[in-house]
Amino acid sequence: MGFRPIAVAAALLLLVGGAGPALADDEATAVKLTPQALQTIDEGELGVAPVGSAQEIAPALFALPVARVSLSRSGKVRAIRLGGGLRLFGEAEPLDLTKLRLNLPARRASVKDSASGSRVAAFDVGKLKVSQRRVRGVLLIAPGASAVFNEQFDTYVFRDGLRFARFSYPLQ
């Protein structure tokens, strides 16, 4: 399937829910599924689980370890690369969404496609806020990515622009 990488990236959206949940570990990014994503997952009879070094710390709330933070010459955060990931599963073959990369200037988020190893831009980043204390935002399913999810799981429940997850990363 040619668009499988997009499906992998879109699944990562499921990770980022709440209004910026706090984690004790400043080397992790909190990703909480939104109520819309949880409803979509339920309607599609799907599930989500952590993969690799990611951990589920509460229902629909995951901690993904930060692999690297890239800064601009002026010291502003440009990109956050996360380890671990999420597995979206159902009756079809599961999708592992790993190595989420948040590109803040472009307001895009990409994931690594486990099948081909290529990077796919699966999410748009909305409501991005960068302060001296934290970076937070909302992952939205990017245009075209919902079709891939729906095809992968033989469903119709995903839609472009769906508020999939919220993320929060402490800077200090």
N, C-alpha and C. Protein backbone atom coordinates (compact mmCIF):
# COMPACT_ATOMS: atom_id res chain seq x y z
N MET A 1 0.86 -1.18 0.00
CA MET A 1 0.00 0.00 0.00
C MET A 1 0.89 1.23 0.00
N GLY A 2 0.76 2.10 -0.95
CA GLY A 2 1.62 3.25 -1.12
C GLY A 2 1.50 4.31 -0.05
N PHE A 3 0.35 4.42 0.59
CA PHE A 3 0.16 5.48 1.56
C PHE A 3 0.24 4.98 2.99
N ARG A 4 0.76 3.81 3.20
CA ARG A 4 0.88 3.27 4.55
C ARG A 4 1.67 4.18 5.47
N PRO A 5 2.74 4.85 5.01
CA PRO A 5 3.47 5.76 5.89
C PRO A 5 2.57 6.88 6.43
N ILE A 6 1.65 7.37 5.63
CA ILE A 6 0.74 8.41 6.10
C ILE A 6 -0.14 7.86 7.19
N ALA A 7 -0.59 6.64 7.05
CA ALA A 7 -1.42 6.02 8.08
C ALA A 7 -0.66 5.93 9.39
N VAL A 8 0.59 5.58 9.30
CA VAL A 8 1.40 5.49 10.51
C VAL A 8 1.48 6.85 11.18
N ALA A 9 1.70 7.87 10.41
CA ALA A 9 1.80 9.20 10.98
C ALA A 9 0.49 9.65 11.57
N ALA A 10 -0.58 9.36 10.90
CA ALA A 10 -1.89 9.77 11.40
C ALA A 10 -2.21 9.09 12.72
N ALA A 11 -1.78 7.89 12.89
CA ALA A 11 -2.05 7.18 14.13
C ALA A 11 -1.38 7.87 15.30
N LEU A 12 -0.29 8.53 15.08
CA LEU A 12 0.38 9.23 16.16
C LEU A 12 -0.49 10.34 16.73
N LEU A 13 -1.35 10.84 15.95
CA LEU A 13 -2.25 11.87 16.46
C LEU A 13 -3.02 11.39 17.64
N LEU A 14 -3.31 10.14 17.68
CA LEU A 14 -4.07 9.59 18.78
C LEU A 14 -3.38 9.82 20.11
N LEU A 15 -2.14 10.08 20.08
CA LEU A 15 -1.36 10.20 21.29
C LEU A 15 -1.59 11.47 22.07
N VAL A 16 -1.95 12.55 21.43
CA VAL A 16 -1.87 13.84 22.07
C VAL A 16 -3.23 14.37 22.46
N GLY A 17 -3.68 14.22 23.66
CA GLY A 17 -5.03 14.56 24.07
C GLY A 17 -5.17 15.76 24.95
N GLY A 18 -5.09 15.70 26.24
CA GLY A 18 -5.46 16.71 27.23
C GLY A 18 -4.95 18.10 26.98
N ALA A 19 -5.13 18.95 27.95
CA ALA A 19 -4.78 20.35 27.83
C ALA A 19 -3.33 20.58 28.21
N GLY A 20 -2.50 19.60 28.10
CA GLY A 20 -1.10 19.75 28.46
C GLY A 20 -0.82 19.10 29.78
N PRO A 21 -1.01 17.80 29.92
CA PRO A 21 -0.79 17.10 31.18
C PRO A 21 0.66 17.20 31.60
N ALA A 22 0.88 17.27 32.88
CA ALA A 22 2.23 17.39 33.42
C ALA A 22 2.82 16.01 33.67
N LEU A 23 4.11 15.89 33.43
CA LEU A 23 4.84 14.67 33.73
C LEU A 23 5.94 15.02 34.72
N ALA A 24 6.28 14.07 35.55
CA ALA A 24 7.37 14.30 36.49
C ALA A 24 8.71 14.36 35.77
N ASP A 25 8.82 13.66 34.66
CA ASP A 25 10.07 13.56 33.91
C ASP A 25 10.13 14.66 32.85
N ASP A 26 11.13 15.55 32.95
CA ASP A 26 11.24 16.62 31.97
C ASP A 26 11.90 16.14 30.67
N GLU A 27 12.22 14.88 30.59
CA GLU A 27 12.78 14.32 29.36
C GLU A 27 11.73 13.52 28.60
N ALA A 28 10.46 13.80 28.86
CA ALA A 28 9.37 13.12 28.16
C ALA A 28 8.33 14.14 27.73
N THR A 29 7.61 13.81 26.69
CA THR A 29 6.52 14.63 26.21
C THR A 29 5.21 13.91 26.50
N ALA A 30 4.28 14.62 27.12
CA ALA A 30 2.97 14.05 27.40
C ALA A 30 2.12 14.15 26.14
N VAL A 31 1.49 13.03 25.78
CA VAL A 31 0.60 12.99 24.63
C VAL A 31 -0.71 12.39 25.11
N LYS A 32 -1.78 13.14 24.95
CA LYS A 32 -3.08 12.70 25.44
C LYS A 32 -4.09 12.71 24.32
N LEU A 33 -4.78 11.59 24.15
CA LEU A 33 -5.81 11.50 23.12
C LEU A 33 -6.96 12.45 23.44
N THR A 34 -7.49 13.08 22.41
CA THR A 34 -8.63 13.97 22.60
C THR A 34 -9.91 13.15 22.70
N PRO A 35 -10.97 13.74 23.26
CA PRO A 35 -12.25 13.04 23.29
C PRO A 35 -12.74 12.65 21.89
N GLN A 36 -12.47 13.51 20.89
CA GLN A 36 -12.86 13.20 19.51
C GLN A 36 -12.11 11.96 19.02
N ALA A 37 -10.83 11.86 19.32
CA ALA A 37 -10.04 10.71 18.90
C ALA A 37 -10.52 9.44 19.60
N LEU A 38 -10.79 9.55 20.89
CA LEU A 38 -11.28 8.39 21.64
C LEU A 38 -12.61 7.89 21.07
N GLN A 39 -13.49 8.81 20.72
CA GLN A 39 -14.77 8.44 20.13
C GLN A 39 -14.55 7.77 18.77
N THR A 40 -13.66 8.33 17.98
CA THR A 40 -13.36 7.77 16.66
C THR A 40 -12.78 6.37 16.79
N ILE A 41 -11.87 6.18 17.71
CA ILE A 41 -11.26 4.87 17.94
C ILE A 41 -12.33 3.87 18.37
N ASP A 42 -13.21 4.31 19.26
CA ASP A 42 -14.29 3.43 19.73
C ASP A 42 -15.24 3.06 18.59
N GLU A 43 -15.63 4.05 17.79
CA GLU A 43 -16.53 3.79 16.66
C GLU A 43 -15.90 2.85 15.64
N GLY A 44 -14.59 2.94 15.46
CA GLY A 44 -13.89 2.07 14.52
C GLY A 44 -13.51 0.73 15.12
N GLU A 45 -13.88 0.51 16.39
CA GLU A 45 -13.54 -0.72 17.10
C GLU A 45 -12.05 -0.98 17.07
N LEU A 46 -11.29 0.08 17.38
CA LEU A 46 -9.83 0.03 17.37
C LEU A 46 -9.30 0.21 18.78
N GLY A 47 -8.00 0.04 18.94
CA GLY A 47 -7.34 0.25 20.21
C GLY A 47 -6.00 0.93 19.99
N VAL A 48 -5.45 1.47 21.09
CA VAL A 48 -4.15 2.14 21.05
C VAL A 48 -3.32 1.63 22.23
N ALA A 49 -2.04 1.36 21.97
CA ALA A 49 -1.13 0.90 23.02
C ALA A 49 0.24 1.53 22.78
N PRO A 50 1.03 1.70 23.85
CA PRO A 50 2.39 2.23 23.68
C PRO A 50 3.29 1.21 23.01
N VAL A 51 4.31 1.71 22.29
CA VAL A 51 5.29 0.87 21.60
C VAL A 51 6.68 1.33 22.02
N GLY A 52 7.59 0.39 22.16
CA GLY A 52 8.97 0.74 22.49
C GLY A 52 9.09 1.38 23.85
N SER A 53 9.76 2.52 23.91
CA SER A 53 10.02 3.19 25.19
C SER A 53 8.88 4.10 25.65
N ALA A 54 7.81 4.18 24.90
CA ALA A 54 6.64 4.97 25.33
C ALA A 54 5.94 4.23 26.46
N GLN A 55 5.26 4.99 27.32
CA GLN A 55 4.53 4.39 28.44
C GLN A 55 3.15 5.00 28.53
N GLU A 56 2.17 4.17 28.88
CA GLU A 56 0.83 4.69 29.18
C GLU A 56 0.80 4.98 30.67
N ILE A 57 0.63 6.25 31.04
CA ILE A 57 0.68 6.63 32.44
C ILE A 57 -0.70 6.85 33.05
N ALA A 58 -1.71 6.89 32.22
CA ALA A 58 -3.11 6.98 32.63
C ALA A 58 -3.92 6.62 31.39
N PRO A 59 -5.22 6.34 31.56
CA PRO A 59 -6.00 6.04 30.35
C PRO A 59 -5.90 7.17 29.32
N ALA A 60 -5.52 6.83 28.10
CA ALA A 60 -5.40 7.76 26.97
C ALA A 60 -4.29 8.80 27.14
N LEU A 61 -3.40 8.63 28.12
CA LEU A 61 -2.29 9.55 28.35
C LEU A 61 -0.99 8.77 28.28
N PHE A 62 -0.11 9.22 27.37
CA PHE A 62 1.14 8.52 27.12
C PHE A 62 2.32 9.45 27.36
N ALA A 63 3.44 8.87 27.79
CA ALA A 63 4.70 9.59 27.93
C ALA A 63 5.65 9.05 26.87
N LEU A 64 6.10 9.93 25.98
CA LEU A 64 7.05 9.56 24.94
C LEU A 64 8.38 10.24 25.27
N PRO A 65 9.45 9.47 25.40
CA PRO A 65 10.74 10.06 25.75
C PRO A 65 11.26 10.98 24.64
N VAL A 66 11.89 12.06 25.04
CA VAL A 66 12.45 13.01 24.09
C VAL A 66 13.83 12.51 23.68
N ALA A 67 14.00 12.29 22.38
CA ALA A 67 15.28 11.83 21.85
C ALA A 67 16.21 13.01 21.57
N ARG A 68 15.62 14.12 21.10
CA ARG A 68 16.45 15.28 20.74
C ARG A 68 15.57 16.51 20.59
N VAL A 69 16.11 17.65 21.01
CA VAL A 69 15.46 18.94 20.80
C VAL A 69 16.41 19.78 19.96
N SER A 70 15.94 20.27 18.81
CA SER A 70 16.76 21.11 17.93
C SER A 70 16.39 22.57 18.17
N LEU A 71 17.43 23.40 18.27
CA LEU A 71 17.24 24.83 18.50
C LEU A 71 17.71 25.64 17.30
N SER A 72 17.09 26.79 17.12
CA SER A 72 17.55 27.72 16.08
C SER A 72 18.78 28.45 16.59
N ARG A 73 19.40 29.24 15.74
CA ARG A 73 20.58 30.02 16.16
C ARG A 73 20.24 31.00 17.26
N SER A 74 18.98 31.44 17.30
CA SER A 74 18.56 32.38 18.34
C SER A 74 18.14 31.67 19.62
N GLY A 75 18.20 30.34 19.64
CA GLY A 75 17.88 29.59 20.84
C GLY A 75 16.44 29.14 20.95
N LYS A 76 15.64 29.37 19.92
CA LYS A 76 14.24 28.95 19.96
C LYS A 76 14.12 27.49 19.54
N VAL A 77 13.14 26.80 20.11
CA VAL A 77 12.91 25.40 19.78
C VAL A 77 12.39 25.30 18.35
N ARG A 78 13.07 24.49 17.54
CA ARG A 78 12.66 24.27 16.14
C ARG A 78 11.98 22.92 15.96
N ALA A 79 12.51 21.90 16.61
CA ALA A 79 11.97 20.55 16.44
C ALA A 79 12.17 19.74 17.71
N ILE A 80 11.22 18.86 17.95
CA ILE A 80 11.30 17.92 19.06
C ILE A 80 11.13 16.52 18.47
N ARG A 81 12.12 15.66 18.73
CA ARG A 81 12.06 14.28 18.24
C ARG A 81 11.79 13.37 19.42
N LEU A 82 10.81 12.50 19.25
CA LEU A 82 10.39 11.64 20.34
C LEU A 82 10.72 10.18 20.05
N GLY A 83 10.99 9.43 21.09
CA GLY A 83 11.23 8.00 20.98
C GLY A 83 9.95 7.23 21.27
N GLY A 84 10.01 5.92 21.10
CA GLY A 84 8.82 5.11 21.32
C GLY A 84 7.74 5.46 20.31
N GLY A 85 6.52 5.23 20.67
CA GLY A 85 5.41 5.55 19.78
C GLY A 85 4.15 4.87 20.23
N LEU A 86 3.20 4.79 19.31
CA LEU A 86 1.91 4.17 19.59
C LEU A 86 1.60 3.11 18.55
N ARG A 87 0.86 2.14 18.97
CA ARG A 87 0.36 1.10 18.07
C ARG A 87 -1.15 1.25 17.99
N LEU A 88 -1.64 1.45 16.78
CA LEU A 88 -3.07 1.50 16.51
C LEU A 88 -3.45 0.13 15.97
N PHE A 89 -4.42 -0.52 16.61
CA PHE A 89 -4.73 -1.90 16.21
C PHE A 89 -6.24 -2.14 16.17
N GLY A 90 -6.60 -3.12 15.40
CA GLY A 90 -7.98 -3.56 15.23
C GLY A 90 -7.95 -4.92 14.57
N GLU A 91 -8.94 -5.20 13.75
CA GLU A 91 -8.97 -6.49 13.05
C GLU A 91 -7.90 -6.57 11.97
N ALA A 92 -7.55 -5.45 11.37
CA ALA A 92 -6.51 -5.42 10.33
C ALA A 92 -5.12 -5.43 10.99
N GLU A 93 -4.10 -5.50 10.17
CA GLU A 93 -2.73 -5.45 10.66
C GLU A 93 -2.51 -4.14 11.42
N PRO A 94 -1.86 -4.18 12.59
CA PRO A 94 -1.67 -2.96 13.38
C PRO A 94 -0.69 -1.99 12.71
N LEU A 95 -0.80 -0.73 13.08
CA LEU A 95 0.12 0.31 12.62
C LEU A 95 0.97 0.76 13.80
N ASP A 96 2.28 0.70 13.64
CA ASP A 96 3.18 1.24 14.66
C ASP A 96 3.61 2.62 14.21
N LEU A 97 3.28 3.61 15.02
CA LEU A 97 3.63 5.00 14.73
C LEU A 97 4.78 5.39 15.65
N THR A 98 5.98 5.47 15.12
CA THR A 98 7.15 5.68 15.95
C THR A 98 7.95 6.90 15.47
N LYS A 99 8.86 7.32 16.35
CA LYS A 99 9.79 8.41 16.06
C LYS A 99 9.07 9.67 15.58
N LEU A 100 8.10 10.09 16.36
CA LEU A 100 7.36 11.32 16.07
C LEU A 100 8.32 12.50 16.08
N ARG A 101 8.24 13.33 15.04
CA ARG A 101 9.05 14.54 14.95
C ARG A 101 8.11 15.73 14.82
N LEU A 102 8.19 16.65 15.78
CA LEU A 102 7.38 17.86 15.76
C LEU A 102 8.22 18.99 15.17
N ASN A 103 7.86 19.46 13.98
CA ASN A 103 8.56 20.56 13.31
C ASN A 103 7.75 21.83 13.60
N LEU A 104 8.21 22.63 14.55
CA LEU A 104 7.43 23.77 15.01
C LEU A 104 7.29 24.89 13.98
N PRO A 105 8.37 25.32 13.28
CA PRO A 105 8.19 26.39 12.29
C PRO A 105 7.22 26.00 11.16
N ALA A 106 7.26 24.74 10.75
CA ALA A 106 6.38 24.28 9.67
C ALA A 106 4.99 23.91 10.17
N ARG A 107 4.86 23.77 11.49
CA ARG A 107 3.59 23.35 12.11
C ARG A 107 3.12 22.01 11.54
N ARG A 108 4.07 21.10 11.42
CA ARG A 108 3.79 19.75 10.92
C ARG A 108 4.41 18.74 11.88
N ALA A 109 3.86 17.55 11.88
CA ALA A 109 4.43 16.45 12.66
C ALA A 109 4.51 15.23 11.74
N SER A 110 5.62 14.55 11.82
CA SER A 110 5.81 13.38 10.98
C SER A 110 6.14 12.17 11.85
N VAL A 111 5.97 11.00 11.25
CA VAL A 111 6.32 9.75 11.92
C VAL A 111 7.12 8.89 10.96
N LYS A 112 7.72 7.88 11.50
CA LYS A 112 8.48 6.93 10.70
C LYS A 112 7.55 5.78 10.34
N ASP A 113 7.49 5.48 9.06
CA ASP A 113 6.70 4.35 8.58
C ASP A 113 7.48 3.08 8.87
N SER A 114 6.90 2.19 9.67
CA SER A 114 7.61 0.98 10.06
C SER A 114 7.84 0.03 8.88
N ALA A 115 6.99 0.09 7.86
CA ALA A 115 7.15 -0.82 6.72
C ALA A 115 8.29 -0.39 5.80
N SER A 116 8.31 0.90 5.40
CA SER A 116 9.30 1.35 4.43
C SER A 116 10.50 2.05 5.07
N GLY A 117 10.33 2.50 6.31
CA GLY A 117 11.39 3.24 6.98
C GLY A 117 11.44 4.71 6.60
N SER A 118 10.51 5.16 5.75
CA SER A 118 10.51 6.57 5.34
C SER A 118 9.71 7.41 6.32
N ARG A 119 9.98 8.72 6.32
CA ARG A 119 9.29 9.66 7.19
C ARG A 119 8.09 10.23 6.45
N VAL A 120 6.95 10.31 7.15
CA VAL A 120 5.71 10.75 6.54
C VAL A 120 5.09 11.86 7.39
N ALA A 121 4.72 12.97 6.75
CA ALA A 121 4.03 14.07 7.43
C ALA A 121 2.56 13.69 7.57
N ALA A 122 2.16 13.30 8.77
CA ALA A 122 0.81 12.80 8.98
C ALA A 122 -0.08 13.78 9.71
N PHE A 123 0.49 14.76 10.39
CA PHE A 123 -0.30 15.66 11.21
C PHE A 123 0.07 17.12 10.96
N ASP A 124 -0.91 17.94 11.15
CA ASP A 124 -0.69 19.37 11.25
C ASP A 124 -0.66 19.69 12.74
N VAL A 125 0.11 20.71 13.13
CA VAL A 125 0.17 21.13 14.52
C VAL A 125 -0.66 22.39 14.66
N GLY A 126 -1.70 22.32 15.46
CA GLY A 126 -2.57 23.47 15.70
C GLY A 126 -2.41 23.98 17.12
N LYS A 127 -2.90 25.18 17.35
CA LYS A 127 -2.86 25.81 18.68
C LYS A 127 -1.49 25.71 19.33
N LEU A 128 -0.45 25.92 18.52
CA LEU A 128 0.92 25.84 19.00
C LEU A 128 1.22 27.02 19.92
N LYS A 129 1.73 26.71 21.10
CA LYS A 129 2.14 27.74 22.06
C LYS A 129 3.52 27.38 22.58
N VAL A 130 4.44 28.33 22.44
CA VAL A 130 5.79 28.14 22.93
C VAL A 130 6.07 29.25 23.93
N SER A 131 6.31 28.88 25.17
CA SER A 131 6.65 29.85 26.21
C SER A 131 8.04 29.50 26.73
N GLN A 132 8.48 30.24 27.72
CA GLN A 132 9.79 29.93 28.31
C GLN A 132 9.73 28.63 29.09
N ARG A 133 8.53 28.23 29.49
CA ARG A 133 8.37 27.04 30.33
C ARG A 133 8.00 25.78 29.58
N ARG A 134 7.25 25.89 28.44
CA ARG A 134 6.81 24.68 27.76
C ARG A 134 6.41 24.93 26.31
N VAL A 135 6.35 23.83 25.58
CA VAL A 135 5.83 23.82 24.21
C VAL A 135 4.59 22.93 24.26
N ARG A 136 3.49 23.41 23.69
CA ARG A 136 2.29 22.59 23.65
C ARG A 136 1.49 22.88 22.40
N GLY A 137 0.67 21.92 22.03
CA GLY A 137 -0.14 22.08 20.83
C GLY A 137 -1.08 20.91 20.64
N VAL A 138 -1.75 20.91 19.50
CA VAL A 138 -2.73 19.88 19.17
C VAL A 138 -2.33 19.26 17.84
N LEU A 139 -2.39 17.94 17.76
CA LEU A 139 -2.13 17.23 16.52
C LEU A 139 -3.45 17.03 15.78
N LEU A 140 -3.48 17.49 14.53
CA LEU A 140 -4.66 17.36 13.68
C LEU A 140 -4.32 16.43 12.53
N ILE A 141 -5.24 15.54 12.16
CA ILE A 141 -4.97 14.65 11.04
C ILE A 141 -4.78 15.49 9.78
N ALA A 142 -3.65 15.33 9.13
CA ALA A 142 -3.30 16.12 7.94
C ALA A 142 -4.20 15.74 6.76
N PRO A 143 -4.37 16.68 5.82
CA PRO A 143 -5.19 16.38 4.63
C PRO A 143 -4.70 15.12 3.91
N GLY A 144 -5.63 14.22 3.65
CA GLY A 144 -5.34 12.97 2.96
C GLY A 144 -5.02 11.80 3.88
N ALA A 145 -4.59 12.09 5.10
CA ALA A 145 -4.20 11.01 6.02
C ALA A 145 -5.40 10.20 6.49
N SER A 146 -6.56 10.82 6.61
CA SER A 146 -7.74 10.07 7.07
C SER A 146 -8.11 8.95 6.10
N ALA A 147 -7.94 9.20 4.81
CA ALA A 147 -8.26 8.16 3.83
C ALA A 147 -7.38 6.94 4.03
N VAL A 148 -6.14 7.15 4.40
CA VAL A 148 -5.22 6.04 4.63
C VAL A 148 -5.65 5.25 5.86
N PHE A 149 -5.99 5.95 6.94
CA PHE A 149 -6.46 5.26 8.15
C PHE A 149 -7.72 4.46 7.86
N ASN A 150 -8.65 5.09 7.20
CA ASN A 150 -9.91 4.41 6.90
C ASN A 150 -9.67 3.17 6.04
N GLU A 151 -8.76 3.28 5.07
CA GLU A 151 -8.46 2.13 4.22
C GLU A 151 -7.77 1.02 5.01
N GLN A 152 -6.81 1.40 5.85
CA GLN A 152 -6.06 0.41 6.63
C GLN A 152 -6.99 -0.42 7.51
N PHE A 153 -7.97 0.23 8.13
CA PHE A 153 -8.83 -0.46 9.08
C PHE A 153 -10.23 -0.74 8.54
N ASP A 154 -10.41 -0.55 7.23
CA ASP A 154 -11.69 -0.83 6.58
C ASP A 154 -12.84 -0.18 7.34
N THR A 155 -12.71 1.13 7.52
CA THR A 155 -13.70 1.90 8.26
C THR A 155 -13.91 3.24 7.57
N TYR A 156 -14.72 4.07 8.13
CA TYR A 156 -15.03 5.39 7.57
C TYR A 156 -14.97 6.47 8.65
N VAL A 157 -14.49 6.16 9.83
CA VAL A 157 -14.62 7.04 10.99
C VAL A 157 -13.61 8.18 11.06
N PHE A 158 -12.45 8.06 10.40
CA PHE A 158 -11.44 9.11 10.47
C PHE A 158 -11.75 10.20 9.46
N ARG A 159 -11.39 11.45 9.79
CA ARG A 159 -11.59 12.57 8.87
C ARG A 159 -10.41 13.53 8.97
N ASP A 160 -10.10 14.19 7.86
CA ASP A 160 -9.02 15.18 7.86
C ASP A 160 -9.37 16.30 8.84
N GLY A 161 -8.36 16.78 9.54
CA GLY A 161 -8.56 17.87 10.49
C GLY A 161 -9.04 17.42 11.86
N LEU A 162 -9.24 16.12 12.06
CA LEU A 162 -9.69 15.62 13.36
C LEU A 162 -8.67 15.98 14.43
N ARG A 163 -9.14 16.56 15.52
CA ARG A 163 -8.27 16.86 16.67
C ARG A 163 -7.95 15.54 17.33
N PHE A 164 -6.73 15.09 17.12
CA PHE A 164 -6.37 13.74 17.52
C PHE A 164 -5.74 13.67 18.91
N ALA A 165 -4.84 14.57 19.22
CA ALA A 165 -4.14 14.50 20.49
C ALA A 165 -3.56 15.87 20.84
N ARG A 166 -3.29 16.01 22.10
CA ARG A 166 -2.60 17.20 22.61
C ARG A 166 -1.22 16.77 23.11
N PHE A 167 -0.24 17.66 22.97
CA PHE A 167 1.08 17.34 23.49
C PHE A 167 1.58 18.50 24.32
N SER A 168 2.47 18.18 25.26
CA SER A 168 3.08 19.18 26.12
C SER A 168 4.48 18.72 26.48
N TYR A 169 5.45 19.63 26.31
CA TYR A 169 6.83 19.33 26.64
C TYR A 169 7.41 20.47 27.48
N PRO A 170 7.87 20.17 28.71
CA PRO A 170 8.45 21.22 29.56
C PRO A 170 9.84 21.62 29.08
N LEU A 171 10.09 22.92 29.00
CA LEU A 171 11.41 23.41 28.57
C LEU A 171 12.34 23.64 29.75
N GLN A 172 11.79 23.79 30.94
CA GLN A 172 12.65 24.01 32.11
C GLN A 172 12.33 23.05 33.21
